[in-house]
């Protein structure tokens, strides 16, 4: 498991970042076809993309801890608009040297889509994985209502998304690190459950692929893709075999191959 101070094997810390206080890491290759900018989801961190980074031999990869999380925890305040602004700042820097692919996992996809809508000229492609879009299709859930206790919400989220057993196996230090990310997580969840539509995906012009795994709520994602096509027929959808929500951790080889295939499709369709 990655820590807040040291990126895991495959990623190297970036000393100078486009947003003061935003912790970034990268993996560079010779003659990259494009740069993949990774945006993590709730209660995660940029270092979780290290396994994917080691498999992207033809692409540079940049990841960062979103504001409020891990080594970017002191960067305040937090809102979807500011998360989008941070991503745009990173994308602007990378776009100076190569095409940019935005890869958003879960809530990170909400941010990636927002950035692509805000400044489409910066981005050559967007790939999002199991991104919640409740304003497109609401998912009935037995999850209890949100409280105003960020630490309690962090523990509950981890137990629900990962597992009870994984939570129990965390060391005291690792558990405290997750709990300290509670305010940022609560901000993400509050944004999602506000009942408001943050932007109009019908206006999205950047080539976009919505990806999901074949886990327990596969049928929901399939129906979500049907609804997405009604909103914007240009948005592609793809199901990743034998993949759960954390595909960048559990199925990095499949995800890497899919990204390379999508980039080839984008390049040949221009």
Protein backbone atom coordinates (compact mmCIF):
# COMPACT_ATOMS: atom_id res chain seq x y z
CA UNK A 1 0.00 0.00 0.00
CA UNK A 2 1.33 3.43 -0.89
CA UNK A 3 2.06 6.07 1.72
CA UNK A 4 1.46 9.80 1.68
CA UNK A 5 5.17 10.69 1.52
CA UNK A 6 6.74 8.10 -0.81
CA UNK A 7 5.27 7.15 -4.20
CA UNK A 8 5.17 3.39 -4.82
CA UNK A 9 7.55 1.66 -7.22
CA UNK A 10 7.00 2.90 -10.76
CA UNK A 11 6.20 6.52 -9.93
CA UNK A 12 8.57 9.35 -9.05
CA UNK A 13 7.69 12.50 -7.16
CA UNK A 14 7.47 15.78 -9.08
CA UNK A 15 9.30 18.59 -7.32
CA UNK A 16 7.60 21.51 -9.07
CA UNK A 17 3.87 21.25 -9.70
CA UNK A 18 1.49 23.63 -11.50
CA UNK A 19 -0.66 24.01 -8.36
CA UNK A 20 1.26 24.84 -5.16
CA UNK A 21 0.53 22.16 -2.59
CA UNK A 22 -0.65 19.57 -5.13
CA UNK A 23 1.47 16.42 -4.74
CA UNK A 24 2.28 14.83 -8.10
CA UNK A 25 4.18 11.78 -9.33
CA UNK A 26 5.09 10.60 -12.81
CA UNK A 27 6.60 7.88 -14.97
CA UNK A 28 8.25 8.98 -18.19
CA UNK A 29 9.19 6.91 -21.25
CA UNK A 30 11.19 7.63 -24.38
CA UNK A 31 9.14 9.02 -27.27
CA UNK A 32 5.70 8.83 -25.61
CA UNK A 33 2.63 8.70 -27.82
CA UNK A 34 0.71 10.75 -25.25
CA UNK A 35 0.58 11.55 -21.56
CA UNK A 36 -2.03 9.87 -19.39
CA UNK A 37 -3.16 12.11 -16.53
CA UNK A 38 -4.78 9.96 -13.85
CA UNK A 39 -7.44 11.26 -11.48
CA UNK A 40 -8.22 9.07 -8.49
CA UNK A 41 -11.56 8.47 -6.85
CA UNK A 42 -12.80 8.80 -3.29
CA UNK A 43 -10.53 7.74 -0.42
CA UNK A 44 -7.76 6.91 -2.88
CA UNK A 45 -4.47 8.54 -3.89
CA UNK A 46 -2.38 9.08 -6.98
CA UNK A 47 0.01 6.32 -6.00
CA UNK A 48 -2.66 3.69 -6.66
CA UNK A 49 -1.94 4.10 -10.40
CA UNK A 50 1.63 2.81 -10.01
CA UNK A 51 0.78 -0.70 -11.25
CA UNK A 52 -0.82 0.78 -14.33
CA UNK A 53 2.13 3.14 -14.87
CA UNK A 54 4.59 0.24 -15.03
CA UNK A 55 2.58 -1.28 -17.87
CA UNK A 56 2.26 1.81 -20.07
CA UNK A 57 5.42 1.41 -22.15
CA UNK A 58 4.37 3.86 -24.87
CA UNK A 59 2.86 6.56 -22.66
CA UNK A 60 4.01 8.99 -20.03
CA UNK A 61 1.82 8.78 -16.94
CA UNK A 62 1.15 11.49 -14.38
CA UNK A 63 -0.86 11.02 -11.19
CA UNK A 64 -1.55 13.28 -8.25
CA UNK A 65 -3.19 13.34 -4.86
CA UNK A 66 -6.34 15.40 -5.25
CA UNK A 67 -6.74 18.39 -2.96
CA UNK A 68 -7.77 17.27 0.50
CA UNK A 69 -6.23 13.81 0.05
CA UNK A 70 -2.96 12.39 1.35
CA UNK A 71 0.05 14.61 0.50
CA UNK A 72 -2.31 17.28 -0.92
CA UNK A 73 -4.38 17.26 2.26
CA UNK A 74 -3.46 20.81 3.21
CA UNK A 75 -4.69 22.18 -0.12
CA UNK A 76 -8.04 23.78 0.67
CA UNK A 77 -10.90 24.50 0.11
CA UNK A 78 -12.47 21.59 -1.75
CA UNK A 79 -15.18 21.59 -4.41
CA UNK A 80 -15.80 19.97 -7.77
CA UNK A 81 -14.95 23.27 -9.47
CA UNK A 82 -11.57 23.44 -7.73
CA UNK A 83 -10.83 19.77 -8.48
CA UNK A 84 -11.51 20.54 -12.14
CA UNK A 85 -9.28 23.63 -11.98
CA UNK A 86 -6.43 21.55 -10.53
CA UNK A 87 -6.75 18.97 -13.31
CA UNK A 88 -6.82 21.67 -15.97
CA UNK A 89 -3.61 23.13 -14.56
CA UNK A 90 -1.91 19.72 -14.78
CA UNK A 91 -3.29 19.10 -18.29
CA UNK A 92 -2.06 22.49 -19.50
CA UNK A 93 1.45 21.65 -18.40
CA UNK A 94 1.42 18.25 -20.07
CA UNK A 95 -0.23 19.51 -23.27
CA UNK A 96 2.85 21.65 -23.98
CA UNK A 97 4.83 18.53 -24.88
CA UNK A 98 2.38 15.78 -25.91
CA UNK A 99 -1.28 14.91 -26.42
CA UNK A 100 -3.18 14.39 -23.16
CA UNK A 101 -5.43 11.50 -22.21
CA UNK A 102 -7.50 12.02 -19.06
CA UNK A 103 -8.10 8.83 -17.08
CA UNK A 104 -10.62 9.20 -14.27
CA UNK A 105 -11.44 6.44 -11.82
CA UNK A 106 -14.80 6.60 -10.03
CA UNK A 107 -15.32 10.18 -8.79
CA UNK A 108 -12.12 11.10 -10.62
CA UNK A 109 -14.10 10.56 -13.81
CA UNK A 110 -16.58 13.24 -12.76
CA UNK A 111 -13.63 15.62 -12.57
CA UNK A 112 -12.11 14.42 -15.85
CA UNK A 113 -15.38 14.92 -17.73
CA UNK A 114 -15.75 18.38 -16.20
CA UNK A 115 -12.25 19.34 -17.36
CA UNK A 116 -12.89 18.05 -20.88
CA UNK A 117 -16.04 20.15 -21.06
CA UNK A 118 -14.34 23.24 -19.65
CA UNK A 119 -11.31 23.24 -21.99
CA UNK A 120 -11.74 20.64 -24.72
CA UNK A 121 -8.69 21.83 -26.65
CA UNK A 122 -6.38 20.54 -23.89
CA UNK A 123 -7.50 16.93 -24.12
CA UNK A 124 -7.25 14.39 -26.92
CA UNK A 125 -9.26 11.65 -25.19
CA UNK A 126 -11.10 10.90 -21.96
CA UNK A 127 -11.44 7.47 -20.39
CA UNK A 128 -13.51 7.05 -17.23
CA UNK A 129 -13.95 3.88 -15.21
CA UNK A 130 -17.15 3.20 -13.26
CA UNK A 131 -17.76 6.90 -12.77
CA UNK A 132 -20.94 7.68 -10.82
CA UNK A 133 -23.34 9.81 -12.86
CA UNK A 134 -26.50 9.87 -10.72
CA UNK A 135 -28.03 12.72 -12.72
CA UNK A 136 -27.94 10.44 -15.79
CA UNK A 137 -29.22 7.30 -14.06
CA UNK A 138 -29.95 7.05 -10.35
CA UNK A 139 -28.91 3.81 -8.68
CA UNK A 140 -31.10 2.50 -5.89
CA UNK A 141 -28.86 1.69 -2.94
CA UNK A 142 -29.26 0.52 0.62
CA UNK A 143 -26.36 2.75 1.69
CA UNK A 144 -27.28 4.79 4.79
CA UNK A 145 -27.71 8.53 4.41
CA UNK A 146 -24.61 10.68 4.68
CA UNK A 147 -23.75 12.07 8.09
CA UNK A 148 -21.61 15.07 8.95
CA UNK A 149 -18.91 12.88 10.53
CA UNK A 150 -16.06 12.60 7.99
CA UNK A 151 -14.13 9.94 9.91
CA UNK A 152 -17.18 7.73 10.22
CA UNK A 153 -17.96 8.18 6.53
CA UNK A 154 -14.37 7.28 5.59
CA UNK A 155 -14.49 4.02 7.54
CA UNK A 156 -17.93 3.14 6.23
CA UNK A 157 -16.87 3.90 2.64
CA UNK A 158 -13.71 1.78 2.88
CA UNK A 159 -15.59 -1.15 4.38
CA UNK A 160 -18.26 -0.94 1.65
CA UNK A 161 -15.98 -0.41 -1.36
CA UNK A 162 -13.02 -2.59 -0.34
CA UNK A 163 -14.13 -4.95 2.44
CA UNK A 164 -14.56 -5.26 6.17
CA UNK A 165 -11.63 -7.64 6.29
CA UNK A 166 -9.31 -5.22 4.49
CA UNK A 167 -10.21 -2.49 6.98
CA UNK A 168 -9.44 -4.76 9.89
CA UNK A 169 -6.06 -5.67 8.38
CA UNK A 170 -4.93 -2.05 8.06
CA UNK A 171 -2.24 -0.96 10.49
CA UNK A 172 -3.08 1.85 12.90
CA UNK A 173 -1.06 4.26 10.75
CA UNK A 174 -2.79 3.22 7.53
CA UNK A 175 -6.21 3.40 9.15
CA UNK A 176 -5.54 6.88 10.50
CA UNK A 177 -4.37 7.98 7.05
CA UNK A 178 -7.69 6.91 5.56
CA UNK A 179 -9.69 8.54 8.33
CA UNK A 180 -7.79 11.81 7.83
CA UNK A 181 -9.02 11.82 4.22
CA UNK A 182 -12.60 11.79 5.50
CA UNK A 183 -13.31 15.50 4.90
CA UNK A 184 -12.26 15.19 1.25
CA UNK A 185 -14.33 12.05 0.80
CA UNK A 186 -17.34 13.68 2.40
CA UNK A 187 -16.97 16.56 -0.05
CA UNK A 188 -16.98 14.12 -2.97
CA UNK A 189 -20.01 12.25 -1.70
CA UNK A 190 -21.94 15.40 -0.87
CA UNK A 191 -21.32 16.69 -4.38
CA UNK A 192 -22.59 13.45 -5.89
CA UNK A 193 -25.73 13.31 -3.78
CA UNK A 194 -26.70 16.96 -4.09
CA UNK A 195 -29.32 16.13 -6.69
CA UNK A 196 -27.87 18.72 -9.06
CA UNK A 197 -26.48 18.21 -12.56
CA UNK A 198 -22.94 19.67 -12.53
CA UNK A 199 -22.64 19.90 -16.31
CA UNK A 200 -24.27 18.84 -19.58
CA UNK A 201 -22.61 15.81 -21.17
CA UNK A 202 -24.49 16.50 -24.39
CA UNK A 203 -21.94 19.28 -24.94
CA UNK A 204 -18.94 16.93 -24.65
CA UNK A 205 -16.89 16.99 -27.87
CA UNK A 206 -13.71 15.19 -26.78
CA UNK A 207 -13.54 11.45 -27.69
CA UNK A 208 -14.78 9.72 -24.55
CA UNK A 209 -14.97 6.11 -23.43
CA UNK A 210 -16.98 4.93 -20.42
CA UNK A 211 -15.56 1.67 -19.05
CA UNK A 212 -16.99 -0.63 -16.39
CA UNK A 213 -16.26 -4.09 -15.02
CA UNK A 214 -18.39 -7.19 -14.86
CA UNK A 215 -18.95 -7.04 -11.11
CA UNK A 216 -22.12 -7.27 -9.09
CA UNK A 217 -23.67 -4.06 -10.48
CA UNK A 218 -22.77 -4.71 -14.11
CA UNK A 219 -26.43 -4.47 -15.14
CA UNK A 220 -26.62 -0.96 -13.71
CA UNK A 221 -23.58 0.15 -15.71
CA UNK A 222 -24.99 -1.41 -18.86
CA UNK A 223 -28.19 0.57 -18.42
CA UNK A 224 -26.19 3.70 -17.59
CA UNK A 225 -24.40 3.35 -20.91
CA UNK A 226 -27.75 3.09 -22.69
CA UNK A 227 -28.79 6.37 -21.06
CA UNK A 228 -25.42 7.98 -21.82
CA UNK A 229 -25.89 7.17 -25.50
CA UNK A 230 -29.22 8.98 -25.41
CA UNK A 231 -27.53 12.06 -23.98
CA UNK A 232 -24.48 11.95 -26.26
CA UNK A 233 -24.27 9.20 -28.93
CA UNK A 234 -20.56 9.91 -29.40
CA UNK A 235 -19.65 8.54 -25.95
CA UNK A 236 -18.34 5.01 -26.27
CA UNK A 237 -18.85 2.24 -23.73
CA UNK A 238 -16.85 -0.87 -22.97
CA UNK A 239 -17.09 -3.69 -20.46
CA UNK A 240 -13.87 -5.01 -18.96
CA UNK A 241 -13.93 -8.74 -18.28
CA UNK A 242 -13.22 -10.09 -14.80
CA UNK A 243 -12.76 -6.59 -13.39
CA UNK A 244 -14.06 -5.09 -10.17
CA UNK A 245 -14.27 -1.43 -9.19
CA UNK A 246 -10.53 -1.10 -8.53
CA UNK A 247 -9.45 -2.32 -11.95
CA UNK A 248 -6.31 -0.15 -11.97
CA UNK A 249 -5.15 -2.19 -8.96
CA UNK A 250 -6.51 -5.66 -9.69
CA UNK A 251 -6.43 -5.73 -13.51
CA UNK A 252 -3.73 -3.24 -14.60
CA UNK A 253 -2.71 -5.35 -17.63
CA UNK A 254 -6.24 -5.38 -19.03
CA UNK A 255 -6.74 -1.71 -18.34
CA UNK A 256 -3.40 -0.80 -19.95
CA UNK A 257 -4.26 -2.79 -23.08
CA UNK A 258 -7.69 -1.16 -23.28
CA UNK A 259 -6.18 2.33 -22.99
CA UNK A 260 -3.70 1.58 -25.78
CA UNK A 261 -6.50 0.25 -27.98
CA UNK A 262 -8.67 3.28 -27.36
CA UNK A 263 -5.80 5.65 -28.13
CA UNK A 264 -5.14 3.82 -31.42
CA UNK A 265 -8.84 4.13 -32.28
CA UNK A 266 -8.81 7.86 -31.51
CA UNK A 267 -5.69 8.41 -33.62
CA UNK A 268 -6.99 6.50 -36.61
CA UNK A 269 -10.39 8.21 -36.53
CA UNK A 270 -8.94 11.72 -36.77
